Amino acid sequence: MTERNYKLHNGKKGAAIAVRVTTRATKNKILGALSDGTIKMHIAAAPVDGQDNEALIDFLSDILDISKDRIEVVAGDSGRDKLVSVLDMDSQTLHKKIVENIE
């Protein structure tokens, strides 16, 4: 019998988005989507001591109208390319809110 690998999770549901962040911008804004679906964003904060990640979460919290504790950078903490988890929001709603806020 082959052994199966199971991934356990805490039962929370949500969506995730891939984000490419340019820091030290004049203001926070969503520029659009790259060809692979990654969302390109400008964030005003510097990439020092996680300030950019905090600013990204604050910005997403405002545009998605969801609490900051429902948003987490789950990969790419120190890089430009990040994976962001958004709990309690389905992917269609997340996509709609992102598209509505493209500048």
N, C-alpha and C. Protein backbone atom coordinates (compact mmCIF):
# COMPACT_ATOMS: atom_id res chain seq x y z
N MET A 1 0.85 -1.17 0.00
CA MET A 1 0.00 0.00 0.00
C MET A 1 0.89 1.24 0.00
N THR A 2 0.56 2.21 -0.85
CA THR A 2 1.36 3.43 -0.91
C THR A 2 0.93 4.39 0.20
N GLU A 3 1.91 5.10 0.71
CA GLU A 3 1.63 6.06 1.77
C GLU A 3 1.13 7.36 1.17
N ARG A 4 0.10 7.91 1.75
CA ARG A 4 -0.45 9.18 1.28
C ARG A 4 0.04 10.31 2.17
N ASN A 5 0.34 11.42 1.54
CA ASN A 5 0.72 12.60 2.28
C ASN A 5 -0.49 13.50 2.41
N TYR A 6 -0.88 13.80 3.62
CA TYR A 6 -2.02 14.67 3.86
C TYR A 6 -1.53 16.01 4.36
N LYS A 7 -2.17 17.05 3.87
CA LYS A 7 -1.86 18.39 4.36
C LYS A 7 -3.00 18.83 5.26
N LEU A 8 -2.67 19.12 6.49
CA LEU A 8 -3.68 19.57 7.43
C LEU A 8 -3.74 21.09 7.42
N HIS A 9 -4.92 21.61 7.63
CA HIS A 9 -5.07 23.06 7.71
C HIS A 9 -6.07 23.36 8.82
N ASN A 10 -6.20 24.63 9.14
CA ASN A 10 -7.06 25.01 10.27
C ASN A 10 -8.52 25.20 9.88
N GLY A 11 -8.88 24.87 8.66
CA GLY A 11 -10.27 24.95 8.24
C GLY A 11 -10.72 26.30 7.73
N LYS A 12 -9.85 27.29 7.81
CA LYS A 12 -10.22 28.62 7.33
C LYS A 12 -10.19 28.61 5.81
N LYS A 13 -11.05 29.41 5.23
CA LYS A 13 -11.12 29.47 3.76
C LYS A 13 -10.88 30.88 3.30
N GLY A 14 -10.35 31.00 2.10
CA GLY A 14 -10.10 32.31 1.54
C GLY A 14 -9.49 32.20 0.17
N ALA A 15 -8.78 33.24 -0.21
CA ALA A 15 -8.15 33.30 -1.52
C ALA A 15 -6.73 33.80 -1.35
N ALA A 16 -5.96 33.68 -2.42
CA ALA A 16 -4.59 34.17 -2.40
C ALA A 16 -4.31 34.93 -3.70
N ILE A 17 -3.45 35.92 -3.60
CA ILE A 17 -3.04 36.66 -4.79
C ILE A 17 -1.53 36.79 -4.80
N ALA A 18 -0.99 36.72 -6.00
CA ALA A 18 0.44 36.97 -6.20
C ALA A 18 0.59 38.46 -6.49
N VAL A 19 1.54 39.09 -5.81
CA VAL A 19 1.72 40.53 -5.91
C VAL A 19 3.19 40.83 -6.19
N ARG A 20 3.44 41.77 -7.11
CA ARG A 20 4.79 42.30 -7.33
C ARG A 20 4.76 43.74 -6.84
N VAL A 21 5.59 44.02 -5.84
CA VAL A 21 5.57 45.32 -5.16
C VAL A 21 6.78 46.15 -5.54
N THR A 22 6.53 47.40 -5.88
CA THR A 22 7.58 48.40 -6.03
C THR A 22 7.44 49.33 -4.83
N THR A 23 8.50 49.42 -4.03
CA THR A 23 8.45 50.21 -2.81
C THR A 23 8.96 51.63 -3.05
N ARG A 24 8.82 52.44 -2.01
CA ARG A 24 9.25 53.84 -2.03
C ARG A 24 8.55 54.64 -3.15
N ALA A 25 7.32 54.30 -3.43
CA ALA A 25 6.54 55.01 -4.44
C ALA A 25 5.95 56.28 -3.82
N THR A 26 5.42 57.15 -4.67
CA THR A 26 4.82 58.38 -4.16
C THR A 26 3.50 58.11 -3.43
N LYS A 27 2.79 57.07 -3.84
CA LYS A 27 1.55 56.68 -3.15
C LYS A 27 1.25 55.21 -3.40
N ASN A 28 0.41 54.66 -2.56
CA ASN A 28 -0.02 53.28 -2.72
C ASN A 28 -1.04 53.20 -3.85
N LYS A 29 -0.82 52.27 -4.78
CA LYS A 29 -1.80 52.09 -5.85
C LYS A 29 -1.60 50.75 -6.54
N ILE A 30 -2.67 50.29 -7.18
CA ILE A 30 -2.64 49.08 -7.99
C ILE A 30 -2.50 49.51 -9.43
N LEU A 31 -1.49 48.98 -10.11
CA LEU A 31 -1.22 49.37 -11.49
C LEU A 31 -1.91 48.46 -12.50
N GLY A 32 -2.11 47.20 -12.15
CA GLY A 32 -2.72 46.26 -13.07
C GLY A 32 -2.17 44.87 -12.87
N ALA A 33 -2.43 44.01 -13.84
CA ALA A 33 -1.98 42.62 -13.76
C ALA A 33 -0.93 42.35 -14.83
N LEU A 34 0.07 41.58 -14.46
CA LEU A 34 1.09 41.13 -15.41
C LEU A 34 0.53 39.95 -16.21
N SER A 35 1.24 39.51 -17.22
CA SER A 35 0.75 38.44 -18.09
C SER A 35 0.50 37.12 -17.35
N ASP A 36 1.19 36.90 -16.24
CA ASP A 36 0.99 35.67 -15.47
C ASP A 36 -0.08 35.81 -14.39
N GLY A 37 -0.75 36.97 -14.32
CA GLY A 37 -1.80 37.18 -13.34
C GLY A 37 -1.34 37.85 -12.05
N THR A 38 -0.04 38.05 -11.92
CA THR A 38 0.49 38.75 -10.75
C THR A 38 0.01 40.19 -10.76
N ILE A 39 -0.42 40.68 -9.60
CA ILE A 39 -0.90 42.04 -9.46
C ILE A 39 0.28 42.96 -9.18
N LYS A 40 0.45 43.98 -10.01
CA LYS A 40 1.55 44.93 -9.85
C LYS A 40 1.06 46.11 -9.01
N MET A 41 1.80 46.40 -7.92
CA MET A 41 1.39 47.45 -6.99
C MET A 41 2.57 48.35 -6.64
N HIS A 42 2.25 49.60 -6.33
CA HIS A 42 3.21 50.53 -5.76
C HIS A 42 2.85 50.72 -4.29
N ILE A 43 3.86 50.68 -3.45
CA ILE A 43 3.68 50.90 -2.01
C ILE A 43 4.65 52.00 -1.59
N ALA A 44 4.16 52.97 -0.82
CA ALA A 44 4.96 54.14 -0.45
C ALA A 44 6.04 53.82 0.58
N ALA A 45 5.87 52.78 1.36
CA ALA A 45 6.82 52.46 2.43
C ALA A 45 8.12 51.88 1.88
N ALA A 46 9.15 51.99 2.69
CA ALA A 46 10.45 51.42 2.34
C ALA A 46 10.51 49.94 2.76
N PRO A 47 11.32 49.15 2.05
CA PRO A 47 11.45 47.73 2.41
C PRO A 47 12.43 47.52 3.57
N VAL A 48 12.13 48.16 4.69
CA VAL A 48 13.00 48.11 5.87
C VAL A 48 12.19 47.59 7.05
N ASP A 49 12.69 46.55 7.71
CA ASP A 49 12.04 46.00 8.90
C ASP A 49 10.57 45.66 8.69
N GLY A 50 10.22 45.20 7.50
CA GLY A 50 8.85 44.78 7.21
C GLY A 50 7.86 45.92 7.02
N GLN A 51 8.35 47.15 6.92
CA GLN A 51 7.45 48.30 6.74
C GLN A 51 6.64 48.16 5.45
N ASP A 52 7.27 47.64 4.40
CA ASP A 52 6.55 47.47 3.13
C ASP A 52 5.42 46.46 3.26
N ASN A 53 5.65 45.38 3.98
CA ASN A 53 4.61 44.37 4.18
C ASN A 53 3.46 44.92 5.01
N GLU A 54 3.77 45.69 6.04
CA GLU A 54 2.73 46.31 6.86
C GLU A 54 1.90 47.28 6.03
N ALA A 55 2.58 48.09 5.22
CA ALA A 55 1.87 49.05 4.36
C ALA A 55 1.02 48.33 3.32
N LEU A 56 1.53 47.23 2.77
CA LEU A 56 0.78 46.44 1.81
C LEU A 56 -0.50 45.89 2.45
N ILE A 57 -0.39 45.35 3.64
CA ILE A 57 -1.54 44.81 4.35
C ILE A 57 -2.54 45.93 4.67
N ASP A 58 -2.05 47.08 5.12
CA ASP A 58 -2.94 48.22 5.40
C ASP A 58 -3.69 48.64 4.14
N PHE A 59 -2.97 48.75 3.04
CA PHE A 59 -3.56 49.17 1.76
C PHE A 59 -4.61 48.16 1.30
N LEU A 60 -4.27 46.89 1.32
CA LEU A 60 -5.22 45.85 0.91
C LEU A 60 -6.44 45.82 1.82
N SER A 61 -6.22 46.02 3.10
CA SER A 61 -7.33 46.06 4.05
C SER A 61 -8.32 47.15 3.68
N ASP A 62 -7.81 48.31 3.30
CA ASP A 62 -8.68 49.42 2.91
C ASP A 62 -9.46 49.13 1.62
N ILE A 63 -8.75 48.67 0.59
CA ILE A 63 -9.44 48.49 -0.69
C ILE A 63 -10.34 47.25 -0.71
N LEU A 64 -10.00 46.25 0.09
CA LEU A 64 -10.83 45.04 0.14
C LEU A 64 -11.93 45.14 1.19
N ASP A 65 -11.86 46.17 2.01
CA ASP A 65 -12.82 46.38 3.09
C ASP A 65 -12.91 45.15 3.99
N ILE A 66 -11.74 44.75 4.48
CA ILE A 66 -11.63 43.57 5.34
C ILE A 66 -10.60 43.88 6.43
N SER A 67 -10.73 43.28 7.56
CA SER A 67 -9.83 43.51 8.68
C SER A 67 -8.39 43.09 8.33
N LYS A 68 -7.43 43.84 8.86
CA LYS A 68 -6.01 43.55 8.61
C LYS A 68 -5.62 42.16 9.10
N ASP A 69 -6.26 41.66 10.13
CA ASP A 69 -5.89 40.35 10.65
C ASP A 69 -6.37 39.20 9.75
N ARG A 70 -7.12 39.52 8.69
CA ARG A 70 -7.56 38.51 7.72
C ARG A 70 -6.61 38.44 6.53
N ILE A 71 -5.56 39.30 6.53
CA ILE A 71 -4.62 39.37 5.41
C ILE A 71 -3.22 39.05 5.92
N GLU A 72 -2.50 38.22 5.16
CA GLU A 72 -1.15 37.83 5.58
C GLU A 72 -0.26 37.61 4.36
N VAL A 73 0.97 38.12 4.46
CA VAL A 73 1.98 37.81 3.44
C VAL A 73 2.53 36.44 3.82
N VAL A 74 2.23 35.43 3.01
CA VAL A 74 2.61 34.06 3.35
C VAL A 74 3.89 33.60 2.65
N ALA A 75 4.32 34.34 1.65
CA ALA A 75 5.58 34.02 0.97
C ALA A 75 6.15 35.30 0.36
N GLY A 76 7.46 35.39 0.33
CA GLY A 76 8.12 36.53 -0.27
C GLY A 76 8.28 37.71 0.66
N ASP A 77 8.34 37.43 1.94
CA ASP A 77 8.46 38.49 2.95
C ASP A 77 9.47 39.58 2.61
N SER A 78 10.63 39.17 2.14
CA SER A 78 11.71 40.14 1.92
C SER A 78 11.95 40.44 0.44
N GLY A 79 11.12 39.92 -0.43
CA GLY A 79 11.31 40.14 -1.86
C GLY A 79 10.23 41.02 -2.46
N ARG A 80 10.36 41.29 -3.73
CA ARG A 80 9.35 42.08 -4.46
C ARG A 80 8.11 41.25 -4.77
N ASP A 81 8.32 39.97 -5.04
CA ASP A 81 7.22 39.07 -5.38
C ASP A 81 6.72 38.40 -4.11
N LYS A 82 5.43 38.59 -3.83
CA LYS A 82 4.85 38.09 -2.60
C LYS A 82 3.58 37.30 -2.89
N LEU A 83 3.26 36.39 -2.01
CA LEU A 83 1.99 35.69 -2.05
C LEU A 83 1.21 36.15 -0.83
N VAL A 84 0.02 36.67 -1.07
CA VAL A 84 -0.80 37.24 0.00
C VAL A 84 -2.06 36.41 0.15
N SER A 85 -2.32 35.98 1.38
CA SER A 85 -3.51 35.22 1.71
C SER A 85 -4.58 36.17 2.25
N VAL A 86 -5.81 35.99 1.76
CA VAL A 86 -6.94 36.79 2.23
C VAL A 86 -8.00 35.81 2.72
N LEU A 87 -8.21 35.77 4.03
CA LEU A 87 -9.18 34.85 4.60
C LEU A 87 -10.59 35.42 4.52
N ASP A 88 -11.55 34.52 4.47
CA ASP A 88 -12.98 34.86 4.47
C ASP A 88 -13.41 35.70 3.27
N MET A 89 -12.73 35.51 2.13
CA MET A 89 -13.14 36.18 0.90
C MET A 89 -12.88 35.21 -0.25
N ASP A 90 -13.88 35.02 -1.10
CA ASP A 90 -13.69 34.11 -2.23
C ASP A 90 -12.90 34.80 -3.33
N SER A 91 -12.37 34.02 -4.23
CA SER A 91 -11.47 34.56 -5.27
C SER A 91 -12.19 35.51 -6.22
N GLN A 92 -13.47 35.26 -6.51
CA GLN A 92 -14.20 36.16 -7.41
C GLN A 92 -14.37 37.55 -6.80
N THR A 93 -14.71 37.61 -5.52
CA THR A 93 -14.87 38.89 -4.83
C THR A 93 -13.54 39.61 -4.75
N LEU A 94 -12.48 38.87 -4.43
CA LEU A 94 -11.14 39.45 -4.35
C LEU A 94 -10.75 40.03 -5.70
N HIS A 95 -10.95 39.28 -6.77
CA HIS A 95 -10.60 39.74 -8.11
C HIS A 95 -11.38 41.01 -8.47
N LYS A 96 -12.68 41.02 -8.18
CA LYS A 96 -13.52 42.16 -8.50
C LYS A 96 -13.03 43.42 -7.78
N LYS A 97 -12.70 43.30 -6.49
CA LYS A 97 -12.27 44.45 -5.72
C LYS A 97 -10.90 44.96 -6.18
N ILE A 98 -10.03 44.05 -6.57
CA ILE A 98 -8.71 44.45 -7.09
C ILE A 98 -8.89 45.23 -8.40
N VAL A 99 -9.69 44.67 -9.32
CA VAL A 99 -9.91 45.31 -10.62
C VAL A 99 -10.56 46.68 -10.45
N GLU A 100 -11.49 46.81 -9.53
CA GLU A 100 -12.16 48.10 -9.29
C GLU A 100 -11.19 49.18 -8.83
N ASN A 101 -10.05 48.79 -8.27
CA ASN A 101 -9.11 49.75 -7.70
C ASN A 101 -7.84 49.94 -8.53
N ILE A 102 -7.82 49.44 -9.75
CA ILE A 102 -6.68 49.68 -10.64
C ILE A 102 -6.69 51.14 -11.06
N GLU A 103 -5.54 51.77 -10.95
CA GLU A 103 -5.42 53.18 -11.37
C GLU A 103 -4.85 53.29 -12.75
